[in-house]
Amino acid sequence: MADTTDVDLRPWRVAGAALVPAAFVIGWLPFGVVPRCPLRALTGVPCPLCGSTRGVMAAVHGHLGHAIELNPASLLVLGLAAVLVLGWALGWRVERIRIPVWCIVAVFALLWSYQLFKYATGRPL
């Protein structure tokens, strides 16, 4: 197993630039366009990222506390999107970064622990 993973930032910049406008528009639609989590739909158990789409939409509309309650990763995603887009606009020309695998595993473990805690204590998912 590799100690690090290389991440190409170019497609993530495009995704970051589209994230905020999409979250803003989706939040105002009168119908749901976001599919349910497959793991939660099949088992009832939330995945580490459950609630992050709704969290991003809540954060974009100014409801930061609700966003954190849904999934703390939603603010992390918005922050990373801002860094990627603003960094590119300011002339940062970094095309690839290396992320330690343990860091990815640790973040997902923390997120899943949070989701399972909410699930076990009956808090809204």
N, C-alpha and C. Protein backbone atom coordinates (compact mmCIF):
# COMPACT_ATOMS: atom_id res chain seq x y z
N MET A 1 0.84 -1.18 0.00
CA MET A 1 0.00 0.00 0.00
C MET A 1 0.89 1.25 0.00
N ALA A 2 0.51 2.21 -0.81
CA ALA A 2 1.31 3.44 -0.91
C ALA A 2 1.12 4.30 0.34
N ASP A 3 2.15 5.04 0.68
CA ASP A 3 2.08 5.92 1.83
C ASP A 3 1.33 7.21 1.54
N THR A 4 1.30 7.60 0.26
CA THR A 4 0.60 8.82 -0.15
C THR A 4 -0.18 8.55 -1.42
N THR A 5 -1.12 9.42 -1.71
CA THR A 5 -1.85 9.34 -2.96
C THR A 5 -1.74 10.70 -3.66
N ASP A 6 -1.50 10.67 -4.97
CA ASP A 6 -1.41 11.89 -5.76
C ASP A 6 -2.81 12.32 -6.19
N VAL A 7 -3.10 13.60 -6.04
CA VAL A 7 -4.40 14.14 -6.42
C VAL A 7 -4.18 15.23 -7.46
N ASP A 8 -4.80 15.05 -8.63
CA ASP A 8 -4.75 16.07 -9.68
C ASP A 8 -5.79 17.13 -9.34
N LEU A 9 -5.37 18.38 -9.20
CA LEU A 9 -6.26 19.44 -8.74
C LEU A 9 -7.14 20.05 -9.83
N ARG A 10 -6.80 19.84 -11.09
CA ARG A 10 -7.57 20.50 -12.17
C ARG A 10 -9.06 20.15 -12.14
N PRO A 11 -9.46 18.87 -12.10
CA PRO A 11 -10.91 18.61 -12.06
C PRO A 11 -11.56 19.08 -10.76
N TRP A 12 -10.81 19.11 -9.68
CA TRP A 12 -11.36 19.56 -8.40
C TRP A 12 -11.60 21.06 -8.39
N ARG A 13 -10.81 21.81 -9.17
CA ARG A 13 -11.06 23.25 -9.28
C ARG A 13 -12.39 23.52 -9.96
N VAL A 14 -12.66 22.76 -11.02
CA VAL A 14 -13.93 22.92 -11.74
C VAL A 14 -15.09 22.55 -10.82
N ALA A 15 -14.95 21.44 -10.11
CA ALA A 15 -16.00 21.03 -9.17
C ALA A 15 -16.19 22.07 -8.08
N GLY A 16 -15.11 22.62 -7.58
CA GLY A 16 -15.19 23.65 -6.55
C GLY A 16 -15.89 24.90 -7.04
N ALA A 17 -15.61 25.29 -8.28
CA ALA A 17 -16.24 26.48 -8.85
C ALA A 17 -17.74 26.27 -9.08
N ALA A 18 -18.15 25.04 -9.34
CA ALA A 18 -19.56 24.74 -9.58
C ALA A 18 -20.33 24.46 -8.30
N LEU A 19 -19.63 24.15 -7.21
CA LEU A 19 -20.27 23.72 -5.98
C LEU A 19 -21.20 24.77 -5.38
N VAL A 20 -20.71 25.96 -5.17
CA VAL A 20 -21.51 26.98 -4.48
C VAL A 20 -22.73 27.38 -5.30
N PRO A 21 -22.60 27.70 -6.60
CA PRO A 21 -23.82 28.04 -7.35
C PRO A 21 -24.82 26.89 -7.39
N ALA A 22 -24.33 25.67 -7.55
CA ALA A 22 -25.24 24.52 -7.60
C ALA A 22 -25.96 24.33 -6.27
N ALA A 23 -25.23 24.44 -5.16
CA ALA A 23 -25.85 24.29 -3.84
C ALA A 23 -26.88 25.38 -3.59
N PHE A 24 -26.58 26.58 -4.04
CA PHE A 24 -27.52 27.69 -3.85
C PHE A 24 -28.80 27.44 -4.63
N VAL A 25 -28.67 27.04 -5.89
CA VAL A 25 -29.85 26.81 -6.74
C VAL A 25 -30.64 25.60 -6.25
N ILE A 26 -29.96 24.50 -5.95
CA ILE A 26 -30.66 23.29 -5.51
C ILE A 26 -31.43 23.55 -4.22
N GLY A 27 -30.88 24.37 -3.36
CA GLY A 27 -31.56 24.69 -2.11
C GLY A 27 -32.88 25.43 -2.28
N TRP A 28 -33.05 26.11 -3.41
CA TRP A 28 -34.28 26.86 -3.65
C TRP A 28 -35.29 26.12 -4.50
N LEU A 29 -34.92 24.97 -5.04
CA LEU A 29 -35.86 24.21 -5.87
C LEU A 29 -37.00 23.66 -5.01
N PRO A 30 -38.22 23.66 -5.54
CA PRO A 30 -39.35 23.18 -4.75
C PRO A 30 -39.45 21.65 -4.68
N PHE A 31 -38.54 20.96 -5.31
CA PHE A 31 -38.56 19.49 -5.30
C PHE A 31 -37.15 18.98 -5.04
N GLY A 32 -37.05 17.76 -4.58
CA GLY A 32 -35.75 17.19 -4.26
C GLY A 32 -35.05 16.62 -5.49
N VAL A 33 -33.80 16.99 -5.69
CA VAL A 33 -33.03 16.46 -6.82
C VAL A 33 -31.82 15.66 -6.35
N VAL A 34 -31.62 15.61 -5.04
CA VAL A 34 -30.45 14.91 -4.50
C VAL A 34 -30.87 13.48 -4.15
N PRO A 35 -30.20 12.47 -4.73
CA PRO A 35 -30.57 11.09 -4.42
C PRO A 35 -30.19 10.71 -2.99
N ARG A 36 -30.88 9.73 -2.44
CA ARG A 36 -30.56 9.25 -1.10
C ARG A 36 -29.26 8.46 -1.13
N CYS A 37 -28.62 8.39 0.02
CA CYS A 37 -27.40 7.61 0.17
C CYS A 37 -27.74 6.13 -0.03
N PRO A 38 -27.02 5.42 -0.91
CA PRO A 38 -27.33 4.00 -1.15
C PRO A 38 -27.16 3.14 0.11
N LEU A 39 -26.10 3.38 0.90
CA LEU A 39 -25.89 2.58 2.10
C LEU A 39 -27.02 2.80 3.10
N ARG A 40 -27.40 4.03 3.28
CA ARG A 40 -28.48 4.33 4.22
C ARG A 40 -29.82 3.81 3.71
N ALA A 41 -30.05 3.88 2.40
CA ALA A 41 -31.30 3.37 1.84
C ALA A 41 -31.41 1.85 2.00
N LEU A 42 -30.28 1.15 1.87
CA LEU A 42 -30.31 -0.31 1.96
C LEU A 42 -30.29 -0.82 3.40
N THR A 43 -29.52 -0.15 4.27
CA THR A 43 -29.31 -0.69 5.62
C THR A 43 -29.88 0.18 6.73
N GLY A 44 -30.14 1.45 6.45
CA GLY A 44 -30.55 2.38 7.49
C GLY A 44 -29.39 3.00 8.24
N VAL A 45 -28.18 2.51 7.99
CA VAL A 45 -26.97 3.01 8.65
C VAL A 45 -26.36 4.11 7.78
N PRO A 46 -26.04 5.26 8.35
CA PRO A 46 -25.47 6.34 7.56
C PRO A 46 -24.01 6.08 7.18
N CYS A 47 -23.63 6.58 6.02
CA CYS A 47 -22.23 6.51 5.60
C CYS A 47 -21.49 7.72 6.16
N PRO A 48 -20.16 7.78 6.02
CA PRO A 48 -19.42 8.93 6.56
C PRO A 48 -19.83 10.27 5.95
N LEU A 49 -20.34 10.26 4.73
CA LEU A 49 -20.68 11.51 4.05
C LEU A 49 -22.16 11.83 4.07
N CYS A 50 -22.99 11.02 4.76
CA CYS A 50 -24.43 11.29 4.83
C CYS A 50 -24.66 12.69 5.40
N GLY A 51 -25.50 13.42 4.74
CA GLY A 51 -25.84 14.77 5.19
C GLY A 51 -24.93 15.85 4.65
N SER A 52 -23.87 15.49 3.95
CA SER A 52 -22.94 16.54 3.51
C SER A 52 -23.53 17.39 2.38
N THR A 53 -24.35 16.82 1.52
CA THR A 53 -24.99 17.62 0.47
C THR A 53 -25.94 18.62 1.09
N ARG A 54 -26.78 18.16 2.01
CA ARG A 54 -27.70 19.07 2.70
C ARG A 54 -26.93 20.07 3.55
N GLY A 55 -25.78 19.64 4.10
CA GLY A 55 -24.95 20.54 4.89
C GLY A 55 -24.35 21.66 4.06
N VAL A 56 -23.89 21.33 2.86
CA VAL A 56 -23.35 22.36 1.96
C VAL A 56 -24.45 23.35 1.58
N MET A 57 -25.64 22.82 1.28
CA MET A 57 -26.75 23.72 0.93
C MET A 57 -27.12 24.61 2.11
N ALA A 58 -27.11 24.06 3.33
CA ALA A 58 -27.42 24.86 4.51
C ALA A 58 -26.35 25.94 4.72
N ALA A 59 -25.09 25.59 4.56
CA ALA A 59 -24.00 26.55 4.76
C ALA A 59 -24.05 27.67 3.72
N VAL A 60 -24.35 27.33 2.49
CA VAL A 60 -24.43 28.34 1.43
C VAL A 60 -25.56 29.33 1.72
N HIS A 61 -26.61 28.86 2.39
CA HIS A 61 -27.73 29.74 2.74
C HIS A 61 -27.55 30.38 4.11
N GLY A 62 -26.36 30.24 4.72
CA GLY A 62 -26.04 30.93 5.95
C GLY A 62 -26.37 30.20 7.23
N HIS A 63 -26.76 28.94 7.16
CA HIS A 63 -27.11 28.16 8.35
C HIS A 63 -25.93 27.27 8.74
N LEU A 64 -24.86 27.88 9.27
CA LEU A 64 -23.63 27.15 9.55
C LEU A 64 -23.79 26.12 10.66
N GLY A 65 -24.54 26.44 11.69
CA GLY A 65 -24.76 25.48 12.77
C GLY A 65 -25.49 24.24 12.29
N HIS A 66 -26.49 24.45 11.46
CA HIS A 66 -27.23 23.31 10.89
C HIS A 66 -26.33 22.49 9.97
N ALA A 67 -25.46 23.16 9.23
CA ALA A 67 -24.53 22.46 8.35
C ALA A 67 -23.59 21.56 9.15
N ILE A 68 -23.07 22.08 10.26
CA ILE A 68 -22.18 21.26 11.11
C ILE A 68 -22.94 20.10 11.71
N GLU A 69 -24.18 20.34 12.11
CA GLU A 69 -25.00 19.28 12.69
C GLU A 69 -25.26 18.16 11.68
N LEU A 70 -25.51 18.54 10.43
CA LEU A 70 -25.76 17.53 9.40
C LEU A 70 -24.50 16.71 9.12
N ASN A 71 -23.41 17.40 8.85
CA ASN A 71 -22.13 16.73 8.61
C ASN A 71 -21.02 17.79 8.61
N PRO A 72 -20.07 17.68 9.54
CA PRO A 72 -18.99 18.67 9.59
C PRO A 72 -18.18 18.74 8.30
N ALA A 73 -18.21 17.68 7.51
CA ALA A 73 -17.47 17.68 6.24
C ALA A 73 -18.01 18.72 5.27
N SER A 74 -19.27 19.14 5.45
CA SER A 74 -19.82 20.12 4.52
C SER A 74 -19.05 21.44 4.57
N LEU A 75 -18.66 21.88 5.77
CA LEU A 75 -17.87 23.11 5.85
C LEU A 75 -16.45 22.88 5.36
N LEU A 76 -15.92 21.70 5.60
CA LEU A 76 -14.60 21.35 5.08
C LEU A 76 -14.59 21.38 3.56
N VAL A 77 -15.63 20.84 2.95
CA VAL A 77 -15.74 20.83 1.49
C VAL A 77 -15.83 22.26 0.95
N LEU A 78 -16.64 23.10 1.59
CA LEU A 78 -16.74 24.49 1.13
C LEU A 78 -15.41 25.22 1.28
N GLY A 79 -14.72 24.98 2.38
CA GLY A 79 -13.41 25.60 2.58
C GLY A 79 -12.40 25.16 1.54
N LEU A 80 -12.37 23.87 1.25
CA LEU A 80 -11.45 23.36 0.22
C LEU A 80 -11.80 23.91 -1.15
N ALA A 81 -13.08 24.00 -1.45
CA ALA A 81 -13.50 24.56 -2.74
C ALA A 81 -13.05 26.01 -2.85
N ALA A 82 -13.20 26.78 -1.78
CA ALA A 82 -12.78 28.17 -1.80
C ALA A 82 -11.27 28.29 -2.00
N VAL A 83 -10.50 27.46 -1.30
CA VAL A 83 -9.04 27.49 -1.44
C VAL A 83 -8.63 27.14 -2.86
N LEU A 84 -9.25 26.11 -3.44
CA LEU A 84 -8.89 25.70 -4.80
C LEU A 84 -9.21 26.78 -5.82
N VAL A 85 -10.41 27.34 -5.73
CA VAL A 85 -10.82 28.34 -6.72
C VAL A 85 -10.07 29.66 -6.52
N LEU A 86 -10.00 30.15 -5.28
CA LEU A 86 -9.30 31.41 -5.04
C LEU A 86 -7.80 31.28 -5.30
N GLY A 87 -7.23 30.14 -4.93
CA GLY A 87 -5.81 29.92 -5.21
C GLY A 87 -5.52 29.96 -6.69
N TRP A 88 -6.38 29.33 -7.48
CA TRP A 88 -6.19 29.34 -8.94
C TRP A 88 -6.36 30.77 -9.47
N ALA A 89 -7.36 31.49 -8.95
CA ALA A 89 -7.59 32.87 -9.42
C ALA A 89 -6.44 33.79 -9.04
N LEU A 90 -5.77 33.50 -7.93
CA LEU A 90 -4.65 34.34 -7.49
C LEU A 90 -3.32 33.93 -8.12
N GLY A 91 -3.35 32.93 -8.96
CA GLY A 91 -2.15 32.56 -9.69
C GLY A 91 -1.36 31.39 -9.14
N TRP A 92 -1.89 30.70 -8.13
CA TRP A 92 -1.20 29.50 -7.66
C TRP A 92 -1.27 28.47 -8.78
N ARG A 93 -0.17 27.92 -9.14
CA ARG A 93 -0.14 26.98 -10.26
C ARG A 93 0.21 25.55 -9.82
N VAL A 94 -0.17 25.20 -8.63
CA VAL A 94 0.04 23.83 -8.16
C VAL A 94 -0.97 22.94 -8.87
N GLU A 95 -0.49 21.91 -9.56
CA GLU A 95 -1.38 21.03 -10.33
C GLU A 95 -1.67 19.72 -9.62
N ARG A 96 -0.78 19.29 -8.74
CA ARG A 96 -0.95 18.02 -8.03
C ARG A 96 -0.51 18.19 -6.59
N ILE A 97 -1.15 17.46 -5.71
CA ILE A 97 -0.71 17.43 -4.32
C ILE A 97 -0.64 15.98 -3.87
N ARG A 98 0.14 15.74 -2.84
CA ARG A 98 0.24 14.40 -2.25
C ARG A 98 -0.42 14.44 -0.88
N ILE A 99 -1.31 13.50 -0.68
CA ILE A 99 -2.02 13.41 0.61
C ILE A 99 -1.66 12.07 1.24
N PRO A 100 -1.22 12.08 2.50
CA PRO A 100 -0.94 10.81 3.18
C PRO A 100 -2.21 9.98 3.30
N VAL A 101 -2.10 8.70 3.03
CA VAL A 101 -3.26 7.81 3.09
C VAL A 101 -3.84 7.78 4.50
N TRP A 102 -2.98 7.83 5.52
CA TRP A 102 -3.48 7.79 6.90
C TRP A 102 -4.39 8.98 7.18
N CYS A 103 -4.13 10.11 6.53
CA CYS A 103 -4.93 11.30 6.73
C CYS A 103 -6.34 11.09 6.17
N ILE A 104 -6.44 10.51 5.00
CA ILE A 104 -7.73 10.21 4.38
C ILE A 104 -8.51 9.23 5.25
N VAL A 105 -7.84 8.18 5.70
CA VAL A 105 -8.49 7.17 6.55
C VAL A 105 -8.96 7.80 7.85
N ALA A 106 -8.13 8.65 8.46
CA ALA A 106 -8.49 9.29 9.72
C ALA A 106 -9.71 10.20 9.57
N VAL A 107 -9.77 10.97 8.50
CA VAL A 107 -10.91 11.87 8.29
C VAL A 107 -12.19 11.07 8.12
N PHE A 108 -12.14 10.02 7.30
CA PHE A 108 -13.34 9.21 7.10
C PHE A 108 -13.74 8.47 8.38
N ALA A 109 -12.77 8.03 9.17
CA ALA A 109 -13.08 7.37 10.44
C ALA A 109 -13.76 8.34 11.41
N LEU A 110 -13.26 9.57 11.47
CA LEU A 110 -13.89 10.58 12.33
C LEU A 110 -15.31 10.91 11.88
N LEU A 111 -15.47 11.07 10.57
CA LEU A 111 -16.80 11.39 10.06
C LEU A 111 -17.78 10.25 10.31
N TRP A 112 -17.32 9.01 10.11
CA TRP A 112 -18.22 7.88 10.32
C TRP A 112 -18.53 7.71 11.81
N SER A 113 -17.56 7.97 12.66
CA SER A 113 -17.80 7.93 14.11
C SER A 113 -18.88 8.93 14.49
N TYR A 114 -18.80 10.12 13.94
CA TYR A 114 -19.80 11.15 14.20
C TYR A 114 -21.18 10.70 13.74
N GLN A 115 -21.24 10.15 12.52
CA GLN A 115 -22.53 9.70 11.98
C GLN A 115 -23.10 8.55 12.81
N LEU A 116 -22.27 7.61 13.21
CA LEU A 116 -22.74 6.48 14.00
C LEU A 116 -23.18 6.93 15.39
N PHE A 117 -22.51 7.94 15.96
CA PHE A 117 -22.93 8.50 17.23
C PHE A 117 -24.32 9.11 17.10
N LYS A 118 -24.55 9.89 16.04
CA LYS A 118 -25.87 10.46 15.82
C LYS A 118 -26.91 9.35 15.64
N TYR A 119 -26.56 8.33 14.89
CA TYR A 119 -27.47 7.21 14.63
C TYR A 119 -27.82 6.48 15.93
N ALA A 120 -26.82 6.23 16.77
CA ALA A 120 -27.03 5.48 18.01
C ALA A 120 -27.81 6.28 19.06
N THR A 121 -27.71 7.59 19.02
CA THR A 121 -28.39 8.43 20.01
C THR A 121 -29.70 9.01 19.51
N GLY A 122 -30.11 8.64 18.31
CA GLY A 122 -31.41 9.08 17.78
C GLY A 122 -31.44 10.50 17.28
N ARG A 123 -30.28 11.10 17.08
CA ARG A 123 -30.26 12.46 16.53
C ARG A 123 -30.59 12.42 15.04
N PRO A 124 -31.11 13.52 14.51
CA PRO A 124 -31.47 13.54 13.08
C PRO A 124 -30.24 13.32 12.20
N LEU A 125 -30.41 12.48 11.20
CA LEU A 125 -29.32 12.23 10.26
C LEU A 125 -29.52 13.18 9.10
